[in-house]
Amino acid sequence: MSGWPALQRELEAWREAGRPATFWWRDDDAVDAGPALDRLLALAARFDAPLSLAVIPADATDRLAARLASVAGQAPGQAPRHVSGHVSGHVPGQVTVLQHGYAHANHAPHGEKSMELGPHRPGVAICEELARGRAMLRAKFGQQAVPVLVPPWNRIAGACVRELAGLGFRGLSIHGPREALRPAPGVVACNTHLDVLRWRPEREFLGEAEALGLLIGHLKGRRCGAVDAAEPSGLLTHHLVMDEAAWAFVSRLLEAIARHPSARWIAAREAFRLPAAELAE
């Protein structure tokens, strides 16, 4: 069995086991408002799927802040309203801002894989940029911005990971099954597992069979104990560059997850185990 029936069968296996199949959604490279972002937000709202936008601090515009604030029903930079002791961001369809490095600039030498947060610069320079970026996002997005770092190109040097808690970060997200819940003291990892795009030789939709195979593989690995069962299966999109086939697949996937009683989307604050105290920083 393959394709969409295979996904349904895997979700049924979770139901039979009496366990919820959890998912989370990260979209990278957000910098500005526009039609592609509107399309993304409409999908999230339609299927009540919490959306985590990885925003590039150096390029983030006031227009983006205003657009996301309109989704949350608040002024740009304002803290979410509290209702009955709970933060109003904890509602279906919420949008959360993660920090996507600082400028998404490659500092690796020619011939090496692209990295912004690698061993190619002094650690103090990297830390200063990350701290500056975090302050910029908090100023623009208020508590929609949570202390989670998404390294550009999903790559980060180990020495940099060890500095994250001291810079105020409480979460780290790259791509692939996490090796440990806490890659450094005070930092929770929650990664993505299905990137819907194939980047080389040409950027295009990965293809339905391969995309579903990756997602089902991670779900089965969790269910059978081959990977961390507690890590939600992560969907990775890039709204600025997706082709129509990718958009169509994402829409159908969101619908399939929304319709199954054992499938559940979780928001970034739950995925990264951020306590309420973190939201008041």
C-alpha atoms as a PDB file:
ATOM      1  CA  MET A   1       0.000   0.000   0.000  1.00  0.00           C
ATOM      2  CA  SER A   2       1.308   3.441  -0.877  1.00  0.00           C
ATOM      3  CA  GLY A   3       0.209   7.045  -1.310  1.00  0.00           C
ATOM      4  CA  TRP A   4      -2.807   8.486   0.469  1.00  0.00           C
ATOM      5  CA  PRO A   5      -4.265   5.075   1.464  1.00  0.00           C
ATOM      6  CA  ALA A   6      -0.951   4.293   3.158  1.00  0.00           C
ATOM      7  CA  LEU A   7      -1.149   7.528   5.144  1.00  0.00           C
ATOM      8  CA  GLN A   8      -4.688   6.655   6.242  1.00  0.00           C
ATOM      9  CA  ARG A   9      -3.556   3.173   7.253  1.00  0.00           C
ATOM     10  CA  GLU A  10      -0.700   4.594   9.288  1.00  0.00           C
ATOM     11  CA  LEU A  11      -3.028   7.015  11.047  1.00  0.00           C
ATOM     12  CA  GLU A  12      -5.373   4.104  11.734  1.00  0.00           C
ATOM     13  CA  ALA A  13      -2.470   2.237  13.317  1.00  0.00           C
ATOM     14  CA  TRP A  14      -2.010   5.166  15.683  1.00  0.00           C
ATOM     15  CA  ARG A  15      -5.729   5.110  16.488  1.00  0.00           C
ATOM     16  CA  GLU A  16      -5.646   1.373  17.157  1.00  0.00           C
ATOM     17  CA  ALA A  17      -2.701   1.932  19.486  1.00  0.00           C
ATOM     18  CA  GLY A  18      -4.702   4.565  21.361  1.00  0.00           C
ATOM     19  CA  ARG A  19      -2.169   7.292  20.606  1.00  0.00           C
ATOM     20  CA  PRO A  20      -2.524  10.634  18.830  1.00  0.00           C
ATOM     21  CA  ALA A  21      -0.369  11.167  15.750  1.00  0.00           C
ATOM     22  CA  THR A  22       0.961  14.690  16.294  1.00  0.00           C
ATOM     23  CA  PHE A  23       2.157  17.108  13.615  1.00  0.00           C
ATOM     24  CA  TRP A  24       3.601  20.596  13.499  1.00  0.00           C
ATOM     25  CA  TRP A  25       4.141  23.019  10.614  1.00  0.00           C
ATOM     26  CA  ARG A  26       7.137  25.261   9.892  1.00  0.00           C
ATOM     27  CA  ASP A  27       7.404  27.629   6.936  1.00  0.00           C
ATOM     28  CA  ASP A  28      10.826  29.176   6.241  1.00  0.00           C
ATOM     29  CA  ASP A  29      12.196  32.468   4.879  1.00  0.00           C
ATOM     30  CA  ALA A  30       9.314  34.821   5.706  1.00  0.00           C
ATOM     31  CA  VAL A  31      10.237  38.502   5.352  1.00  0.00           C
ATOM     32  CA  ASP A  32       7.222  40.455   4.047  1.00  0.00           C
ATOM     33  CA  ALA A  33       3.488  40.392   3.519  1.00  0.00           C
ATOM     34  CA  GLY A  34       2.149  39.493   0.091  1.00  0.00           C
ATOM     35  CA  PRO A  35      -0.097  37.149  -1.908  1.00  0.00           C
ATOM     36  CA  ALA A  36       1.943  34.011  -1.157  1.00  0.00           C
ATOM     37  CA  LEU A  37       1.797  34.695   2.575  1.00  0.00           C
ATOM     38  CA  ASP A  38      -1.926  35.382   2.362  1.00  0.00           C
ATOM     39  CA  ARG A  39      -2.376  32.034   0.629  1.00  0.00           C
ATOM     40  CA  LEU A  40      -0.400  30.308   3.368  1.00  0.00           C
ATOM     41  CA  LEU A  41      -2.360  31.981   6.163  1.00  0.00           C
ATOM     42  CA  ALA A  42      -5.642  31.102   4.460  1.00  0.00           C
ATOM     43  CA  LEU A  43      -4.667  27.432   4.366  1.00  0.00           C
ATOM     44  CA  ALA A  44      -3.694  27.479   8.028  1.00  0.00           C
ATOM     45  CA  ALA A  45      -6.981  29.123   8.977  1.00  0.00           C
ATOM     46  CA  ARG A  46      -9.063  26.807   6.798  1.00  0.00           C
ATOM     47  CA  PHE A  47      -7.737  23.688   8.512  1.00  0.00           C
ATOM     48  CA  ASP A  48      -7.124  25.181  11.990  1.00  0.00           C
ATOM     49  CA  ALA A  49      -3.437  24.287  11.697  1.00  0.00           C
ATOM     50  CA  PRO A  50      -1.015  26.245  13.914  1.00  0.00           C
ATOM     51  CA  LEU A  51       1.668  27.762  11.699  1.00  0.00           C
ATOM     52  CA  SER A  52       5.248  28.578  12.695  1.00  0.00           C
ATOM     53  CA  LEU A  53       6.848  31.169  10.435  1.00  0.00           C
ATOM     54  CA  ALA A  54      10.654  31.194  10.417  1.00  0.00           C
ATOM     55  CA  VAL A  55      11.327  34.909   9.883  1.00  0.00           C
ATOM     56  CA  ILE A  56      14.669  36.395   8.804  1.00  0.00           C
ATOM     57  CA  PRO A  57      15.240  39.249  11.285  1.00  0.00           C
ATOM     58  CA  ALA A  58      17.461  41.457   9.103  1.00  0.00           C
ATOM     59  CA  ASP A  59      14.862  41.534   6.312  1.00  0.00           C
ATOM     60  CA  ALA A  60      11.588  41.420   8.251  1.00  0.00           C
ATOM     61  CA  THR A  61       9.306  44.319   7.358  1.00  0.00           C
ATOM     62  CA  ASP A  62       6.732  46.276   9.317  1.00  0.00           C
ATOM     63  CA  ARG A  63       4.192  45.078   6.740  1.00  0.00           C
ATOM     64  CA  LEU A  64       4.813  41.498   7.816  1.00  0.00           C
ATOM     65  CA  ALA A  65       4.380  42.447  11.469  1.00  0.00           C
ATOM     66  CA  ALA A  66       1.119  44.220  10.705  1.00  0.00           C
ATOM     67  CA  ARG A  67      -0.184  41.281   8.667  1.00  0.00           C
ATOM     68  CA  LEU A  68       0.557  38.749  11.377  1.00  0.00           C
ATOM     69  CA  ALA A  69      -0.851  41.030  14.048  1.00  0.00           C
ATOM     70  CA  SER A  70      -4.079  41.187  12.056  1.00  0.00           C
ATOM     71  CA  VAL A  71      -4.290  37.388  12.227  1.00  0.00           C
ATOM     72  CA  ALA A  72      -3.954  37.524  16.007  1.00  0.00           C
ATOM     73  CA  GLY A  73      -6.289  40.498  16.300  1.00  0.00           C
ATOM     74  CA  GLN A  74      -3.772  42.783  17.980  1.00  0.00           C
ATOM     75  CA  ALA A  75      -1.522  45.736  17.276  1.00  0.00           C
ATOM     76  CA  PRO A  76       1.989  44.987  15.891  1.00  0.00           C
ATOM     77  CA  GLY A  77       4.365  44.068  18.712  1.00  0.00           C
ATOM     78  CA  GLN A  78       1.543  43.733  21.242  1.00  0.00           C
ATOM     79  CA  ALA A  79       1.433  40.788  23.616  1.00  0.00           C
ATOM     80  CA  PRO A  80      -1.384  38.297  22.985  1.00  0.00           C
ATOM     81  CA  ARG A  81      -4.542  38.846  25.001  1.00  0.00           C
ATOM     82  CA  HIS A  82      -5.138  36.585  27.995  1.00  0.00           C
ATOM     83  CA  VAL A  83      -8.463  34.843  28.425  1.00  0.00           C
ATOM     84  CA  SER A  84      -9.252  32.857  31.577  1.00  0.00           C
ATOM     85  CA  GLY A  85      -5.596  32.642  32.471  1.00  0.00           C
ATOM     86  CA  HIS A  86      -4.481  31.329  29.078  1.00  0.00           C
ATOM     87  CA  VAL A  87      -2.606  33.141  26.337  1.00  0.00           C
ATOM     88  CA  SER A  88      -4.922  33.853  23.425  1.00  0.00           C
ATOM     89  CA  GLY A  89      -2.246  32.526  21.027  1.00  0.00           C
ATOM     90  CA  HIS A  90      -3.249  29.009  22.089  1.00  0.00           C
ATOM     91  CA  VAL A  91      -6.134  28.834  19.639  1.00  0.00           C
ATOM     92  CA  PRO A  92      -6.641  26.893  16.417  1.00  0.00           C
ATOM     93  CA  GLY A  93      -4.907  28.522  13.481  1.00  0.00           C
ATOM     94  CA  GLN A  94      -2.434  30.492  15.572  1.00  0.00           C
ATOM     95  CA  VAL A  95       0.672  31.945  13.910  1.00  0.00           C
ATOM     96  CA  THR A  96       3.991  31.948  15.745  1.00  0.00           C
ATOM     97  CA  VAL A  97       7.237  33.624  14.697  1.00  0.00           C
ATOM     98  CA  LEU A  98      10.517  31.704  14.965  1.00  0.00           C
ATOM     99  CA  GLN A  99      13.950  33.241  14.346  1.00  0.00           C
ATOM    100  CA  HIS A 100      15.536  32.196  11.048  1.00  0.00           C
ATOM    101  CA  GLY A 101      19.169  33.016  11.788  1.00  0.00           C
ATOM    102  CA  TYR A 102      19.940  36.687  11.320  1.00  0.00           C
ATOM    103  CA  ALA A 103      20.382  37.609   7.632  1.00  0.00           C
ATOM    104  CA  HIS A 104      20.312  34.164   5.974  1.00  0.00           C
ATOM    105  CA  ALA A 105      23.820  34.937   4.707  1.00  0.00           C
ATOM    106  CA  ASN A 106      26.279  32.228   3.718  1.00  0.00           C
ATOM    107  CA  HIS A 107      29.694  32.530   5.396  1.00  0.00           C
ATOM    108  CA  ALA A 108      31.089  29.163   4.334  1.00  0.00           C
ATOM    109  CA  PRO A 109      34.018  29.075   1.878  1.00  0.00           C
ATOM    110  CA  HIS A 110      33.382  28.272  -1.761  1.00  0.00           C
ATOM    111  CA  GLY A 111      32.832  24.562  -2.239  1.00  0.00           C
ATOM    112  CA  GLU A 112      31.446  23.921   1.236  1.00  0.00           C
ATOM    113  CA  LYS A 113      27.787  23.606   2.201  1.00  0.00           C
ATOM    114  CA  SER A 114      26.093  26.922   2.919  1.00  0.00           C
ATOM    115  CA  MET A 115      26.060  27.988   6.573  1.00  0.00           C
ATOM    116  CA  GLU A 116      25.354  31.171   8.431  1.00  0.00           C
ATOM    117  CA  LEU A 117      25.889  29.711  11.895  1.00  0.00           C
ATOM    118  CA  GLY A 118      29.026  27.695  11.209  1.00  0.00           C
ATOM    119  CA  PRO A 119      32.662  27.627  12.342  1.00  0.00           C
ATOM    120  CA  HIS A 120      33.716  30.140   9.707  1.00  0.00           C
ATOM    121  CA  ARG A 121      33.413  33.250  11.888  1.00  0.00           C
ATOM    122  CA  PRO A 122      34.236  34.143  15.495  1.00  0.00           C
ATOM    123  CA  GLY A 123      31.604  32.807  17.862  1.00  0.00           C
ATOM    124  CA  VAL A 124      31.173  36.209  19.448  1.00  0.00           C
ATOM    125  CA  ALA A 125      30.123  37.708  16.108  1.00  0.00           C
ATOM    126  CA  ILE A 126      27.517  34.985  15.578  1.00  0.00           C
ATOM    127  CA  CYS A 127      26.167  35.397  19.104  1.00  0.00           C
ATOM    128  CA  GLU A 128      25.924  39.161  18.716  1.00  0.00           C
ATOM    129  CA  GLU A 129      23.937  38.763  15.504  1.00  0.00           C
ATOM    130  CA  LEU A 130      21.572  36.212  17.017  1.00  0.00           C
ATOM    131  CA  ALA A 131      20.951  38.406  20.054  1.00  0.00           C
ATOM    132  CA  ARG A 132      20.321  41.399  17.791  1.00  0.00           C
ATOM    133  CA  GLY A 133      17.935  39.374  15.658  1.00  0.00           C
ATOM    134  CA  ARG A 134      16.007  38.151  18.670  1.00  0.00           C
ATOM    135  CA  ALA A 135      15.578  41.701  19.932  1.00  0.00           C
ATOM    136  CA  MET A 136      14.395  42.827  16.497  1.00  0.00           C
ATOM    137  CA  LEU A 137      11.759  40.109  16.266  1.00  0.00           C
ATOM    138  CA  ARG A 138      10.459  40.754  19.763  1.00  0.00           C
ATOM    139  CA  ALA A 139      10.177  44.464  18.985  1.00  0.00           C
ATOM    140  CA  LYS A 140       8.255  43.826  15.742  1.00  0.00           C
ATOM    141  CA  PHE A 141       6.133  40.822  16.658  1.00  0.00           C
ATOM    142  CA  GLY A 142       5.754  40.953  20.433  1.00  0.00           C
ATOM    143  CA  GLN A 143       4.949  37.594  21.955  1.00  0.00           C
ATOM    144  CA  GLN A 144       4.089  36.122  18.594  1.00  0.00           C
ATOM    145  CA  ALA A 145       7.895  35.748  18.478  1.00  0.00           C
ATOM    146  CA  VAL A 146       8.964  32.778  20.576  1.00  0.00           C
ATOM    147  CA  PRO A 147      12.582  32.020  21.576  1.00  0.00           C
ATOM    148  CA  VAL A 148      13.182  29.298  18.983  1.00  0.00           C
ATOM    149  CA  LEU A 149      16.040  29.344  16.470  1.00  0.00           C
ATOM    150  CA  VAL A 150      15.782  27.919  12.948  1.00  0.00           C
ATOM    151  CA  PRO A 151      19.289  27.891  11.420  1.00  0.00           C
ATOM    152  CA  PRO A 152      19.409  28.842   7.729  1.00  0.00           C
ATOM    153  CA  TRP A 153      19.936  25.766   5.569  1.00  0.00           C
ATOM    154  CA  ASN A 154      19.172  23.717   8.712  1.00  0.00           C
ATOM    155  CA  ARG A 155      22.849  23.783   9.676  1.00  0.00           C
ATOM    156  CA  ILE A 156      24.467  25.001  12.871  1.00  0.00           C
ATOM    157  CA  ALA A 157      27.844  24.389  14.511  1.00  0.00           C
ATOM    158  CA  GLY A 158      27.859  22.495  17.797  1.00  0.00           C
ATOM    159  CA  ALA A 159      29.682  25.340  19.520  1.00  0.00           C
ATOM    160  CA  CYS A 160      26.851  27.668  18.547  1.00  0.00           C
ATOM    161  CA  VAL A 161      24.208  25.268  19.878  1.00  0.00           C
ATOM    162  CA  ARG A 162      25.906  25.338  23.268  1.00  0.00           C
ATOM    163  CA  GLU A 163      25.542  29.135  23.407  1.00  0.00           C
ATOM    164  CA  LEU A 164      21.817  29.251  22.640  1.00  0.00           C
ATOM    165  CA  ALA A 165      20.422  29.069  26.166  1.00  0.00           C
ATOM    166  CA  GLY A 166      22.694  31.895  27.264  1.00  0.00           C
ATOM    167  CA  LEU A 167      21.280  34.016  24.434  1.00  0.00           C
ATOM    168  CA  GLY A 168      17.727  33.368  25.612  1.00  0.00           C
ATOM    169  CA  PHE A 169      16.742  30.671  23.142  1.00  0.00           C
ATOM    170  CA  ARG A 170      14.662  27.774  24.414  1.00  0.00           C
ATOM    171  CA  GLY A 171      14.209  25.831  21.189  1.00  0.00           C
ATOM    172  CA  LEU A 172      16.128  24.721  18.092  1.00  0.00           C
ATOM    173  CA  SER A 173      14.676  23.380  14.841  1.00  0.00           C
ATOM    174  CA  ILE A 174      16.583  21.816  11.954  1.00  0.00           C
ATOM    175  CA  HIS A 175      15.592  18.977   9.587  1.00  0.00           C
ATOM    176  CA  GLY A 176      15.486  15.257  10.267  1.00  0.00           C
ATOM    177  CA  PRO A 177      14.651  13.135  13.334  1.00  0.00           C
ATOM    178  CA  ARG A 178      16.117  14.703  16.443  1.00  0.00           C
ATOM    179  CA  GLU A 179      19.029  12.902  18.041  1.00  0.00           C
ATOM    180  CA  ALA A 180      18.151  14.180  21.504  1.00  0.00           C
ATOM    181  CA  LEU A 181      15.295  16.090  23.097  1.00  0.00           C
ATOM    182  CA  ARG A 182      17.792  18.594  24.482  1.00  0.00           C
ATOM    183  CA  PRO A 183      20.781  19.222  22.208  1.00  0.00           C
ATOM    184  CA  ALA A 184      22.127  21.574  24.882  1.00  0.00           C
ATOM    185  CA  PRO A 185      21.027  22.353  28.437  1.00  0.00           C
ATOM    186  CA  GLY A 186      17.878  24.453  28.438  1.00  0.00           C
ATOM    187  CA  VAL A 187      17.182  23.973  24.698  1.00  0.00           C
ATOM    188  CA  VAL A 188      14.491  21.673  23.260  1.00  0.00           C
ATOM    189  CA  ALA A 189      14.846  20.334  19.714  1.00  0.00           C
ATOM    190  CA  CYS A 190      11.851  19.850  17.431  1.00  0.00           C
ATOM    191  CA  ASN A 191      12.659  19.293  13.774  1.00  0.00           C
ATOM    192  CA  THR A 192      10.887  18.957  10.454  1.00  0.00           C
ATOM    193  CA  HIS A 193      10.779  15.696   8.529  1.00  0.00           C
ATOM    194  CA  LEU A 194       9.021  16.424   5.243  1.00  0.00           C
ATOM    195  CA  ASP A 195      10.276  19.274   3.052  1.00  0.00           C
ATOM    196  CA  VAL A 196       7.800  19.386   0.183  1.00  0.00           C
ATOM    197  CA  LEU A 197      10.398  20.809  -2.209  1.00  0.00           C
ATOM    198  CA  ARG A 198      13.237  19.197  -4.106  1.00  0.00           C
ATOM    199  CA  TRP A 199      15.983  21.814  -4.337  1.00  0.00           C
ATOM    200  CA  ARG A 200      18.324  20.311  -6.930  1.00  0.00           C
ATOM    201  CA  PRO A 201      18.846  20.201  -9.846  1.00  0.00           C
ATOM    202  CA  GLU A 202      15.760  22.417 -10.098  1.00  0.00           C
ATOM    203  CA  ARG A 203      13.511  23.694  -7.338  1.00  0.00           C
ATOM    204  CA  GLU A 204      10.174  21.910  -7.626  1.00  0.00           C
ATOM    205  CA  PHE A 205       7.642  19.842  -5.709  1.00  0.00           C
ATOM    206  CA  LEU A 206       9.169  16.671  -4.342  1.00  0.00           C
ATOM    207  CA  GLY A 207       6.407  14.521  -5.771  1.00  0.00           C
ATOM    208  CA  GLU A 208       3.408  12.969  -4.051  1.00  0.00           C
ATOM    209  CA  ALA A 209       4.811   9.460  -3.635  1.00  0.00           C
ATOM    210  CA  GLU A 210       8.151  10.588  -2.209  1.00  0.00           C
ATOM    211  CA  ALA A 211       6.606  13.224   0.032  1.00  0.00           C
ATOM    212  CA  LEU A 212       4.083  10.833   1.533  1.00  0.00           C
ATOM    213  CA  GLY A 213       6.764   8.181   1.903  1.00  0.00           C
ATOM    214  CA  LEU A 214       8.883  10.512   4.009  1.00  0.00           C
ATOM    215  CA  LEU A 215       5.990  11.488   6.243  1.00  0.00           C
ATOM    216  CA  ILE A 216       4.700   7.960   6.670  1.00  0.00           C
ATOM    217  CA  GLY A 217       8.236   6.747   7.330  1.00  0.00           C
ATOM    218  CA  HIS A 218       8.656   9.183  10.203  1.00  0.00           C
ATOM    219  CA  LEU A 219       5.230   8.363  11.642  1.00  0.00           C
ATOM    220  CA  LYS A 220       5.941   4.635  11.510  1.00  0.00           C
ATOM    221  CA  GLY A 221       9.398   5.163  12.986  1.00  0.00           C
ATOM    222  CA  ARG A 222       7.834   6.994  15.918  1.00  0.00           C
ATOM    223  CA  ARG A 223       5.130   4.393  16.411  1.00  0.00           C
ATOM    224  CA  CYS A 224       7.586   1.497  16.314  1.00  0.00           C
ATOM    225  CA  GLY A 225      10.299   3.135  18.408  1.00  0.00           C
ATOM    226  CA  ALA A 226      12.918   3.627  15.697  1.00  0.00           C
ATOM    227  CA  VAL A 227      12.963   7.395  16.335  1.00  0.00           C
ATOM    228  CA  ASP A 228      11.785   9.613  19.174  1.00  0.00           C
ATOM    229  CA  ALA A 229       8.062   8.883  19.488  1.00  0.00           C
ATOM    230  CA  ALA A 230       7.426  12.183  21.267  1.00  0.00           C
ATOM    231  CA  GLU A 231       8.746  14.378  18.440  1.00  0.00           C
ATOM    232  CA  PRO A 232       5.808  15.554  16.318  1.00  0.00           C
ATOM    233  CA  SER A 233       6.138  14.912  12.611  1.00  0.00           C
ATOM    234  CA  GLY A 234       7.168  18.185  11.033  1.00  0.00           C
ATOM    235  CA  LEU A 235       5.936  19.638   7.746  1.00  0.00           C
ATOM    236  CA  LEU A 236       8.332  22.136   6.116  1.00  0.00           C
ATOM    237  CA  THR A 237       7.115  24.577   3.469  1.00  0.00           C
ATOM    238  CA  HIS A 238       8.549  27.670   1.749  1.00  0.00           C
ATOM    239  CA  HIS A 239       5.608  29.815   0.707  1.00  0.00           C
ATOM    240  CA  LEU A 240       7.691  32.230  -1.359  1.00  0.00           C
ATOM    241  CA  VAL A 241       8.947  29.634  -3.827  1.00  0.00           C
ATOM    242  CA  MET A 242       6.448  26.749  -3.927  1.00  0.00           C
ATOM    243  CA  ASP A 243       5.014  25.665  -7.263  1.00  0.00           C
ATOM    244  CA  GLU A 244       1.342  24.829  -7.787  1.00  0.00           C
ATOM    245  CA  ALA A 245       1.929  21.114  -7.305  1.00  0.00           C
ATOM    246  CA  ALA A 246       3.439  21.774  -3.875  1.00  0.00           C
ATOM    247  CA  TRP A 247       0.536  24.017  -2.862  1.00  0.00           C
ATOM    248  CA  ALA A 248      -1.964  21.384  -3.964  1.00  0.00           C
ATOM    249  CA  PHE A 249      -0.175  18.669  -2.004  1.00  0.00           C
ATOM    250  CA  VAL A 250      -0.012  20.758   1.173  1.00  0.00           C
ATOM    251  CA  SER A 251      -3.717  21.524   0.945  1.00  0.00           C
ATOM    252  CA  ARG A 252      -4.601  17.859   0.509  1.00  0.00           C
ATOM    253  CA  LEU A 253      -2.294  16.845   3.372  1.00  0.00           C
ATOM    254  CA  LEU A 254      -3.826  19.409   5.716  1.00  0.00           C
ATOM    255  CA  GLU A 255      -7.263  18.112   4.815  1.00  0.00           C
ATOM    256  CA  ALA A 256      -6.274  14.479   5.415  1.00  0.00           C
ATOM    257  CA  ILE A 257      -4.849  15.314   8.829  1.00  0.00           C
ATOM    258  CA  ALA A 258      -7.835  17.468   9.781  1.00  0.00           C
ATOM    259  CA  ARG A 259     -10.277  14.672   8.925  1.00  0.00           C
ATOM    260  CA  HIS A 260      -8.631  11.893  10.905  1.00  0.00           C
ATOM    261  CA  PRO A 261      -9.655  11.594  14.569  1.00  0.00           C
ATOM    262  CA  SER A 262      -6.226  10.389  15.672  1.00  0.00           C
ATOM    263  CA  ALA A 263      -4.247  13.155  13.945  1.00  0.00           C
ATOM    264  CA  ARG A 264      -3.556  16.397  15.798  1.00  0.00           C
ATOM    265  CA  TRP A 265      -1.671  19.581  14.967  1.00  0.00           C
ATOM    266  CA  ILE A 266       0.297  21.151  17.795  1.00  0.00           C
ATOM    267  CA  ALA A 267       1.625  24.691  18.069  1.00  0.00           C
ATOM    268  CA  ALA A 268       5.248  25.708  18.502  1.00  0.00           C
ATOM    269  CA  ARG A 269       4.808  26.521  22.177  1.00  0.00           C
ATOM    270  CA  GLU A 270       3.740  22.933  22.829  1.00  0.00           C
ATOM    271  CA  ALA A 271       6.271  21.419  20.434  1.00  0.00           C
ATOM    272  CA  PHE A 272       9.157  23.183  22.171  1.00  0.00           C
ATOM    273  CA  ARG A 273       7.683  22.756  25.661  1.00  0.00           C
ATOM    274  CA  LEU A 274       7.744  26.453  26.413  1.00  0.00           C
ATOM    275  CA  PRO A 275       6.266  27.155  29.857  1.00  0.00           C
ATOM    276  CA  ALA A 276       3.947  30.094  30.389  1.00  0.00           C
ATOM    277  CA  ALA A 277       6.788  31.969  32.114  1.00  0.00           C
ATOM    278  CA  GLU A 278       8.664  32.102  28.801  1.00  0.00           C
ATOM    279  CA  LEU A 279       5.834  34.071  27.219  1.00  0.00           C
ATOM    280  CA  ALA A 280       6.184  36.924  29.682  1.00  0.00           C
ATOM    281  CA  GLU A 281       9.876  37.553  29.053  1.00  0.00           C
END
